[in-house]
Amino acid sequence: MTVLVGTSGWQYKDWRGDLYPAGCPQRLWLEEYARAFATVESNNAFYRLPDRDQFAAWRKRTPDDFVMALKASRYLTHIKRLRDPSEPVARLMSHAEGLGDRLGPVLLQLPPTLRADGELLDACLRCFPSETRVAVEPRHASWWTDEIRAVLERRAAALCWADRDSRPVTPLWRTAEWGYLRFHGGRAQPAPRYGRQALATWARRVDDTWPADADVYAYFNNDTGGAAVHDAVAFARSLSRLGRPVSRTPSL
């Protein structure tokens, strides 16, 4: 098993010259990305759920070892606020079946105004197929309780370890046999880059928490100016220096 390192999305025009050659047309960016990285976190479904054919097309355009994590629809997380989850979860998963073996974890990023509700969370997680890995990123401090941790553990859902400004904004709970990390922006220059020390600290946290045979997914959401690409490469190197197996990253 390995630590899979990638970025949150791939369709960023300011990545030309860093990840994408100047002459590479946008319609080929996914292929170019998938040659450089083995995983991506797609936020397309958050804004507008692609149909099954679109997911199937992404599958055909990526190599056999590629993994695509999905940020769940805002209809489920932000409009319904986890209420009546059965239909939106079923719709998401039926469309995502088009990815086949490329499908990775599903991320539930909760609104910052949504307060903790263990029963609501449990009911939502129960709607997902048992083989689907689900990560949860709460953004209100009321979620950091023993009850919520117990719900996540019971459903084998991973608490998403989130970083903002080079520090954790979530507890560092291990609630599943696998892990999920998101990096929203560091404090180094040029902004929103991460410094070497911050990334080395996160690498040690991963190494101290999960055994070498565990899957851990790590995505950089600080896309501006190609920061996510550079920081993903630096984070992978920090993990490698600790002896952790890590997925491919580009040579920049």
C-alpha atoms as a PDB file:
ATOM      1  CA  MET A   1       0.000   0.000   0.000  1.00  0.00           C
ATOM      2  CA  THR A   2       1.065   3.582  -0.347  1.00  0.00           C
ATOM      3  CA  VAL A   3       0.416   7.248   0.284  1.00  0.00           C
ATOM      4  CA  LEU A   4      -1.389   8.645  -2.753  1.00  0.00           C
ATOM      5  CA  VAL A   5      -0.533  12.309  -3.261  1.00  0.00           C
ATOM      6  CA  GLY A   6      -2.316  14.619  -5.679  1.00  0.00           C
ATOM      7  CA  THR A   7      -4.255  17.851  -6.014  1.00  0.00           C
ATOM      8  CA  SER A   8      -7.859  18.988  -5.673  1.00  0.00           C
ATOM      9  CA  GLY A   9      -8.804  19.324  -9.320  1.00  0.00           C
ATOM     10  CA  TRP A  10      -6.702  19.600 -12.466  1.00  0.00           C
ATOM     11  CA  GLN A  11      -8.376  22.276 -14.621  1.00  0.00           C
ATOM     12  CA  TYR A  12      -6.372  25.366 -13.673  1.00  0.00           C
ATOM     13  CA  LYS A  13      -5.111  27.704 -16.388  1.00  0.00           C
ATOM     14  CA  ASP A  14      -2.290  29.078 -14.243  1.00  0.00           C
ATOM     15  CA  TRP A  15      -0.720  25.600 -14.124  1.00  0.00           C
ATOM     16  CA  ARG A  16       0.505  26.143 -17.689  1.00  0.00           C
ATOM     17  CA  GLY A  17       4.263  26.142 -17.626  1.00  0.00           C
ATOM     18  CA  ASP A  18       4.415  24.225 -14.342  1.00  0.00           C
ATOM     19  CA  LEU A  19       2.453  21.030 -14.949  1.00  0.00           C
ATOM     20  CA  TYR A  20       1.091  21.586 -18.443  1.00  0.00           C
ATOM     21  CA  PRO A  21       3.337  22.446 -21.396  1.00  0.00           C
ATOM     22  CA  ALA A  22       2.479  25.791 -22.959  1.00  0.00           C
ATOM     23  CA  GLY A  23       1.201  24.176 -26.137  1.00  0.00           C
ATOM     24  CA  CYS A  24      -0.900  21.463 -24.480  1.00  0.00           C
ATOM     25  CA  PRO A  25      -4.632  22.005 -25.218  1.00  0.00           C
ATOM     26  CA  GLN A  26      -6.978  22.037 -22.242  1.00  0.00           C
ATOM     27  CA  ARG A  27      -8.835  18.984 -23.541  1.00  0.00           C
ATOM     28  CA  LEU A  28      -5.676  16.924 -22.881  1.00  0.00           C
ATOM     29  CA  TRP A  29      -4.931  18.235 -19.400  1.00  0.00           C
ATOM     30  CA  LEU A  30      -6.369  15.177 -17.639  1.00  0.00           C
ATOM     31  CA  GLU A  31      -4.086  12.859 -19.615  1.00  0.00           C
ATOM     32  CA  GLU A  32      -1.121  15.106 -18.832  1.00  0.00           C
ATOM     33  CA  TYR A  33      -2.083  15.256 -15.159  1.00  0.00           C
ATOM     34  CA  ALA A  34      -2.487  11.477 -14.920  1.00  0.00           C
ATOM     35  CA  ARG A  35       0.995  10.935 -16.323  1.00  0.00           C
ATOM     36  CA  ALA A  36       2.377  13.116 -13.525  1.00  0.00           C
ATOM     37  CA  PHE A  37       0.156  12.057 -10.612  1.00  0.00           C
ATOM     38  CA  ALA A  38      -1.598   8.796  -9.754  1.00  0.00           C
ATOM     39  CA  THR A  39      -4.591  10.423  -8.028  1.00  0.00           C
ATOM     40  CA  VAL A  40      -6.802  13.504  -8.087  1.00  0.00           C
ATOM     41  CA  GLU A  41      -9.655  14.795  -5.959  1.00  0.00           C
ATOM     42  CA  SER A  42     -12.428  15.872  -8.321  1.00  0.00           C
ATOM     43  CA  ASN A  43     -14.728  18.655  -7.179  1.00  0.00           C
ATOM     44  CA  ASN A  44     -16.869  18.589 -10.341  1.00  0.00           C
ATOM     45  CA  ALA A  45     -19.594  16.600  -8.591  1.00  0.00           C
ATOM     46  CA  PHE A  46     -19.773  19.179  -5.802  1.00  0.00           C
ATOM     47  CA  TYR A  47     -21.035  21.864  -8.175  1.00  0.00           C
ATOM     48  CA  ARG A  48     -22.825  19.788 -10.800  1.00  0.00           C
ATOM     49  CA  LEU A  49     -22.922  16.006 -10.804  1.00  0.00           C
ATOM     50  CA  PRO A  50     -21.507  14.633 -14.068  1.00  0.00           C
ATOM     51  CA  ASP A  51     -23.466  11.861 -15.731  1.00  0.00           C
ATOM     52  CA  ARG A  52     -22.255   8.273 -15.807  1.00  0.00           C
ATOM     53  CA  ASP A  53     -20.905   8.700 -19.340  1.00  0.00           C
ATOM     54  CA  GLN A  54     -18.654  11.557 -18.229  1.00  0.00           C
ATOM     55  CA  PHE A  55     -17.222   9.465 -15.406  1.00  0.00           C
ATOM     56  CA  ALA A  56     -16.716   6.601 -17.867  1.00  0.00           C
ATOM     57  CA  ALA A  57     -14.889   8.959 -20.242  1.00  0.00           C
ATOM     58  CA  TRP A  58     -12.537  10.020 -17.440  1.00  0.00           C
ATOM     59  CA  ARG A  59     -11.871   6.343 -16.757  1.00  0.00           C
ATOM     60  CA  LYS A  60     -10.884   5.735 -20.373  1.00  0.00           C
ATOM     61  CA  ARG A  61      -8.554   8.739 -20.366  1.00  0.00           C
ATOM     62  CA  THR A  62      -6.542   7.657 -17.308  1.00  0.00           C
ATOM     63  CA  PRO A  63      -4.115   4.779 -16.709  1.00  0.00           C
ATOM     64  CA  ASP A  64      -4.998   1.575 -14.871  1.00  0.00           C
ATOM     65  CA  ASP A  65      -3.432   2.668 -11.575  1.00  0.00           C
ATOM     66  CA  PHE A  66      -5.175   6.057 -11.439  1.00  0.00           C
ATOM     67  CA  VAL A  67      -7.505   6.878  -8.518  1.00  0.00           C
ATOM     68  CA  MET A  68     -10.131   9.641  -8.534  1.00  0.00           C
ATOM     69  CA  ALA A  69     -11.588  10.762  -5.214  1.00  0.00           C
ATOM     70  CA  LEU A  70     -14.930  12.577  -5.406  1.00  0.00           C
ATOM     71  CA  LYS A  71     -16.154  15.559  -3.430  1.00  0.00           C
ATOM     72  CA  ALA A  72     -19.839  14.810  -2.827  1.00  0.00           C
ATOM     73  CA  SER A  73     -22.547  17.070  -4.198  1.00  0.00           C
ATOM     74  CA  ARG A  74     -23.297  20.298  -2.345  1.00  0.00           C
ATOM     75  CA  TYR A  75     -26.965  19.338  -2.747  1.00  0.00           C
ATOM     76  CA  LEU A  76     -26.338  16.626  -0.154  1.00  0.00           C
ATOM     77  CA  THR A  77     -23.946  18.536   2.123  1.00  0.00           C
ATOM     78  CA  HIS A  78     -24.910  22.202   1.818  1.00  0.00           C
ATOM     79  CA  ILE A  79     -28.535  22.323   0.629  1.00  0.00           C
ATOM     80  CA  LYS A  80     -29.988  19.214   2.280  1.00  0.00           C
ATOM     81  CA  ARG A  81     -27.344  19.498   5.049  1.00  0.00           C
ATOM     82  CA  LEU A  82     -27.217  15.673   5.267  1.00  0.00           C
ATOM     83  CA  ARG A  83     -30.999  15.342   5.664  1.00  0.00           C
ATOM     84  CA  ASP A  84     -32.827  12.746   3.519  1.00  0.00           C
ATOM     85  CA  PRO A  85     -29.515  11.406   2.194  1.00  0.00           C
ATOM     86  CA  SER A  86     -30.734   8.230   0.501  1.00  0.00           C
ATOM     87  CA  GLU A  87     -31.597   9.637  -2.935  1.00  0.00           C
ATOM     88  CA  PRO A  88     -28.607  12.000  -3.411  1.00  0.00           C
ATOM     89  CA  VAL A  89     -26.172   9.332  -2.228  1.00  0.00           C
ATOM     90  CA  ALA A  90     -27.701   6.726  -4.535  1.00  0.00           C
ATOM     91  CA  ARG A  91     -27.576   9.166  -7.472  1.00  0.00           C
ATOM     92  CA  LEU A  92     -23.939  10.054  -6.802  1.00  0.00           C
ATOM     93  CA  MET A  93     -22.866   6.438  -6.571  1.00  0.00           C
ATOM     94  CA  SER A  94     -24.832   5.311  -9.627  1.00  0.00           C
ATOM     95  CA  HIS A  95     -23.178   8.006 -11.740  1.00  0.00           C
ATOM     96  CA  ALA A  96     -19.738   7.370 -10.229  1.00  0.00           C
ATOM     97  CA  GLU A  97     -19.975   3.696 -11.225  1.00  0.00           C
ATOM     98  CA  GLY A  98     -18.755   4.938 -14.600  1.00  0.00           C
ATOM     99  CA  LEU A  99     -15.296   5.276 -13.051  1.00  0.00           C
ATOM    100  CA  GLY A 100     -15.161   1.550 -12.340  1.00  0.00           C
ATOM    101  CA  ASP A 101     -11.910   0.629 -10.603  1.00  0.00           C
ATOM    102  CA  ARG A 102     -10.675   4.245 -10.802  1.00  0.00           C
ATOM    103  CA  LEU A 103     -13.137   5.302  -8.070  1.00  0.00           C
ATOM    104  CA  GLY A 104     -11.463   6.283  -4.814  1.00  0.00           C
ATOM    105  CA  PRO A 105     -12.927   7.743  -1.612  1.00  0.00           C
ATOM    106  CA  VAL A 106     -15.917  10.067  -1.450  1.00  0.00           C
ATOM    107  CA  LEU A 107     -15.414  13.269   0.534  1.00  0.00           C
ATOM    108  CA  LEU A 108     -18.235  14.849   2.529  1.00  0.00           C
ATOM    109  CA  GLN A 109     -17.141  18.428   3.181  1.00  0.00           C
ATOM    110  CA  LEU A 110     -19.690  19.887   5.588  1.00  0.00           C
ATOM    111  CA  PRO A 111     -20.736  23.555   5.661  1.00  0.00           C
ATOM    112  CA  PRO A 112     -18.989  25.675   8.325  1.00  0.00           C
ATOM    113  CA  THR A 113     -22.416  26.560   9.757  1.00  0.00           C
ATOM    114  CA  LEU A 114     -23.551  22.951  10.182  1.00  0.00           C
ATOM    115  CA  ARG A 115     -23.394  21.991  13.833  1.00  0.00           C
ATOM    116  CA  ALA A 116     -22.700  18.447  15.018  1.00  0.00           C
ATOM    117  CA  ASP A 117     -25.457  15.869  14.736  1.00  0.00           C
ATOM    118  CA  GLY A 118     -24.303  12.299  15.258  1.00  0.00           C
ATOM    119  CA  GLU A 119     -27.594  10.711  14.192  1.00  0.00           C
ATOM    120  CA  LEU A 120     -27.690  12.738  10.976  1.00  0.00           C
ATOM    121  CA  LEU A 121     -24.125  11.793  10.121  1.00  0.00           C
ATOM    122  CA  ASP A 122     -24.698   8.137  10.931  1.00  0.00           C
ATOM    123  CA  ALA A 123     -27.805   7.990   8.745  1.00  0.00           C
ATOM    124  CA  CYS A 124     -25.916   9.552   5.841  1.00  0.00           C
ATOM    125  CA  LEU A 125     -22.913   7.229   6.121  1.00  0.00           C
ATOM    126  CA  ARG A 126     -25.249   4.250   6.300  1.00  0.00           C
ATOM    127  CA  CYS A 127     -26.517   5.071   2.785  1.00  0.00           C
ATOM    128  CA  PHE A 128     -23.158   4.466   1.131  1.00  0.00           C
ATOM    129  CA  PRO A 129     -22.255   0.997  -0.159  1.00  0.00           C
ATOM    130  CA  SER A 130     -20.188  -0.902   2.402  1.00  0.00           C
ATOM    131  CA  GLU A 131     -17.201  -1.070   0.051  1.00  0.00           C
ATOM    132  CA  THR A 132     -17.131   2.719  -0.506  1.00  0.00           C
ATOM    133  CA  ARG A 133     -14.569   4.672   1.477  1.00  0.00           C
ATOM    134  CA  VAL A 134     -16.060   7.892   2.851  1.00  0.00           C
ATOM    135  CA  ALA A 135     -14.070  10.757   4.373  1.00  0.00           C
ATOM    136  CA  VAL A 136     -15.790  13.485   6.394  1.00  0.00           C
ATOM    137  CA  GLU A 137     -14.509  17.058   6.738  1.00  0.00           C
ATOM    138  CA  PRO A 138     -16.584  18.909   9.371  1.00  0.00           C
ATOM    139  CA  ARG A 139     -15.913  22.635   9.682  1.00  0.00           C
ATOM    140  CA  HIS A 140     -17.691  23.564  12.918  1.00  0.00           C
ATOM    141  CA  ALA A 141     -15.983  23.053  16.280  1.00  0.00           C
ATOM    142  CA  SER A 142     -19.048  21.311  17.755  1.00  0.00           C
ATOM    143  CA  TRP A 143     -18.114  18.139  15.836  1.00  0.00           C
ATOM    144  CA  TRP A 144     -15.055  17.370  17.945  1.00  0.00           C
ATOM    145  CA  THR A 145     -16.730  15.038  20.440  1.00  0.00           C
ATOM    146  CA  ASP A 146     -16.445  11.401  21.475  1.00  0.00           C
ATOM    147  CA  GLU A 147     -19.890  10.753  19.975  1.00  0.00           C
ATOM    148  CA  ILE A 148     -18.840  11.915  16.518  1.00  0.00           C
ATOM    149  CA  ARG A 149     -15.580  10.009  16.703  1.00  0.00           C
ATOM    150  CA  ALA A 150     -17.516   6.860  17.615  1.00  0.00           C
ATOM    151  CA  VAL A 151     -19.871   7.310  14.627  1.00  0.00           C
ATOM    152  CA  LEU A 152     -16.938   7.627  12.249  1.00  0.00           C
ATOM    153  CA  GLU A 153     -15.219   4.587  13.728  1.00  0.00           C
ATOM    154  CA  ARG A 154     -18.391   2.498  13.623  1.00  0.00           C
ATOM    155  CA  ARG A 155     -18.904   3.310   9.935  1.00  0.00           C
ATOM    156  CA  ALA A 156     -15.169   2.971   9.093  1.00  0.00           C
ATOM    157  CA  ALA A 157     -15.258   6.534   7.773  1.00  0.00           C
ATOM    158  CA  ALA A 158     -12.089   8.615   7.891  1.00  0.00           C
ATOM    159  CA  LEU A 159     -12.009  11.962   9.591  1.00  0.00           C
ATOM    160  CA  CYS A 160     -10.400  14.222   7.006  1.00  0.00           C
ATOM    161  CA  TRP A 161      -7.297  15.805   8.477  1.00  0.00           C
ATOM    162  CA  ALA A 162      -7.496  19.391   7.230  1.00  0.00           C
ATOM    163  CA  ASP A 163      -4.774  22.022   7.258  1.00  0.00           C
ATOM    164  CA  ARG A 164      -5.133  25.763   6.860  1.00  0.00           C
ATOM    165  CA  ASP A 165      -2.272  28.229   7.290  1.00  0.00           C
ATOM    166  CA  SER A 166       0.148  25.347   7.957  1.00  0.00           C
ATOM    167  CA  ARG A 167      -1.659  24.079  11.039  1.00  0.00           C
ATOM    168  CA  PRO A 168      -4.343  21.454  11.694  1.00  0.00           C
ATOM    169  CA  VAL A 169      -7.917  22.728  11.882  1.00  0.00           C
ATOM    170  CA  THR A 170      -9.285  19.302  12.821  1.00  0.00           C
ATOM    171  CA  PRO A 171      -8.379  16.800  15.525  1.00  0.00           C
ATOM    172  CA  LEU A 172      -5.832  14.229  14.393  1.00  0.00           C
ATOM    173  CA  TRP A 173      -8.118  11.260  14.991  1.00  0.00           C
ATOM    174  CA  ARG A 174      -7.538   7.971  13.228  1.00  0.00           C
ATOM    175  CA  THR A 175     -11.071   6.669  12.749  1.00  0.00           C
ATOM    176  CA  ALA A 176     -10.473   4.155   9.939  1.00  0.00           C
ATOM    177  CA  GLU A 177      -7.806   1.803   8.626  1.00  0.00           C
ATOM    178  CA  TRP A 178      -7.074   4.391   5.933  1.00  0.00           C
ATOM    179  CA  GLY A 179      -6.495   8.132   5.999  1.00  0.00           C
ATOM    180  CA  TYR A 180      -7.468  11.287   4.113  1.00  0.00           C
ATOM    181  CA  LEU A 181      -5.720  14.688   4.214  1.00  0.00           C
ATOM    182  CA  ARG A 182      -6.535  18.057   2.634  1.00  0.00           C
ATOM    183  CA  PHE A 183      -4.205  21.057   2.468  1.00  0.00           C
ATOM    184  CA  HIS A 184      -6.025  24.352   1.940  1.00  0.00           C
ATOM    185  CA  GLY A 185      -3.089  26.773   1.976  1.00  0.00           C
ATOM    186  CA  GLY A 186       0.191  27.350   3.766  1.00  0.00           C
ATOM    187  CA  ARG A 187       2.009  30.345   5.181  1.00  0.00           C
ATOM    188  CA  ALA A 188       5.095  30.289   2.972  1.00  0.00           C
ATOM    189  CA  GLN A 189       5.870  32.571   0.051  1.00  0.00           C
ATOM    190  CA  PRO A 190       4.749  32.861  -2.636  1.00  0.00           C
ATOM    191  CA  ALA A 191       1.290  32.420  -1.106  1.00  0.00           C
ATOM    192  CA  PRO A 192      -0.437  30.017  -0.687  1.00  0.00           C
ATOM    193  CA  ARG A 193       2.613  27.716  -0.643  1.00  0.00           C
ATOM    194  CA  TYR A 194       3.683  25.458   2.228  1.00  0.00           C
ATOM    195  CA  GLY A 195       7.138  25.579   3.762  1.00  0.00           C
ATOM    196  CA  ARG A 196       9.406  22.547   3.955  1.00  0.00           C
ATOM    197  CA  GLN A 197       9.101  22.298   7.720  1.00  0.00           C
ATOM    198  CA  ALA A 198       5.299  22.308   7.651  1.00  0.00           C
ATOM    199  CA  LEU A 199       5.208  19.527   5.066  1.00  0.00           C
ATOM    200  CA  ALA A 200       7.859  17.510   6.907  1.00  0.00           C
ATOM    201  CA  THR A 201       5.748  17.753  10.083  1.00  0.00           C
ATOM    202  CA  TRP A 202       2.687  16.467   8.252  1.00  0.00           C
ATOM    203  CA  ALA A 203       4.719  13.617   6.768  1.00  0.00           C
ATOM    204  CA  ARG A 204       5.799  12.591  10.270  1.00  0.00           C
ATOM    205  CA  ARG A 205       2.191  12.690  11.459  1.00  0.00           C
ATOM    206  CA  VAL A 206       1.175  10.331   8.673  1.00  0.00           C
ATOM    207  CA  ASP A 207       4.100   8.024   9.365  1.00  0.00           C
ATOM    208  CA  ASP A 208       3.374   7.965  13.103  1.00  0.00           C
ATOM    209  CA  THR A 209      -0.356   7.292  12.657  1.00  0.00           C
ATOM    210  CA  TRP A 210      -0.742   4.736   9.874  1.00  0.00           C
ATOM    211  CA  PRO A 211       1.273   1.574   9.269  1.00  0.00           C
ATOM    212  CA  ALA A 212       3.136   1.196   5.996  1.00  0.00           C
ATOM    213  CA  ASP A 213       0.447  -1.123   4.587  1.00  0.00           C
ATOM    214  CA  ALA A 214      -2.359   1.449   5.016  1.00  0.00           C
ATOM    215  CA  ASP A 215      -3.753   3.586   2.198  1.00  0.00           C
ATOM    216  CA  VAL A 216      -3.539   7.319   2.857  1.00  0.00           C
ATOM    217  CA  TYR A 217      -4.860   9.922   0.398  1.00  0.00           C
ATOM    218  CA  ALA A 218      -3.456  13.481   0.448  1.00  0.00           C
ATOM    219  CA  TYR A 219      -4.726  16.345  -1.719  1.00  0.00           C
ATOM    220  CA  PHE A 220      -3.515  19.920  -2.065  1.00  0.00           C
ATOM    221  CA  ASN A 221      -6.312  22.443  -2.537  1.00  0.00           C
ATOM    222  CA  ASN A 222      -4.062  25.531  -2.792  1.00  0.00           C
ATOM    223  CA  ASP A 223      -4.224  25.660  -6.575  1.00  0.00           C
ATOM    224  CA  THR A 224      -3.295  29.335  -7.105  1.00  0.00           C
ATOM    225  CA  GLY A 225      -0.120  29.828  -9.072  1.00  0.00           C
ATOM    226  CA  GLY A 226       0.612  26.104  -9.195  1.00  0.00           C
ATOM    227  CA  ALA A 227       1.240  25.993  -5.434  1.00  0.00           C
ATOM    228  CA  ALA A 228      -0.649  22.702  -5.118  1.00  0.00           C
ATOM    229  CA  VAL A 229       1.570  20.989  -7.689  1.00  0.00           C
ATOM    230  CA  HIS A 230       4.827  22.138  -6.094  1.00  0.00           C
ATOM    231  CA  ASP A 231       3.657  21.341  -2.555  1.00  0.00           C
ATOM    232  CA  ALA A 232       2.413  17.881  -3.544  1.00  0.00           C
ATOM    233  CA  VAL A 233       5.861  17.095  -4.945  1.00  0.00           C
ATOM    234  CA  ALA A 234       7.589  18.409  -1.805  1.00  0.00           C
ATOM    235  CA  PHE A 235       5.228  16.468   0.479  1.00  0.00           C
ATOM    236  CA  ALA A 236       5.873  13.257  -1.450  1.00  0.00           C
ATOM    237  CA  ARG A 237       9.608  13.787  -1.033  1.00  0.00           C
ATOM    238  CA  SER A 238       9.183  14.288   2.725  1.00  0.00           C
ATOM    239  CA  LEU A 239       7.304  10.989   2.920  1.00  0.00           C
ATOM    240  CA  SER A 240       9.941   9.212   0.835  1.00  0.00           C
ATOM    241  CA  ARG A 241      12.671  10.412   3.174  1.00  0.00           C
ATOM    242  CA  LEU A 242      10.805   8.633   5.980  1.00  0.00           C
ATOM    243  CA  GLY A 243      10.778   5.434   3.945  1.00  0.00           C
ATOM    244  CA  ARG A 244       7.061   5.599   3.092  1.00  0.00           C
ATOM    245  CA  PRO A 245       5.926   4.255  -0.274  1.00  0.00           C
ATOM    246  CA  VAL A 246       4.396   7.166  -2.204  1.00  0.00           C
ATOM    247  CA  SER A 247       2.640   7.493  -5.543  1.00  0.00           C
ATOM    248  CA  ARG A 248       4.275   9.174  -8.533  1.00  0.00           C
ATOM    249  CA  THR A 249       4.700  12.936  -8.724  1.00  0.00           C
ATOM    250  CA  PRO A 250       6.113  15.051 -11.537  1.00  0.00           C
ATOM    251  CA  SER A 251       9.676  16.246 -11.923  1.00  0.00           C
ATOM    252  CA  LEU A 252       9.358  20.007 -11.866  1.00  0.00           C
END
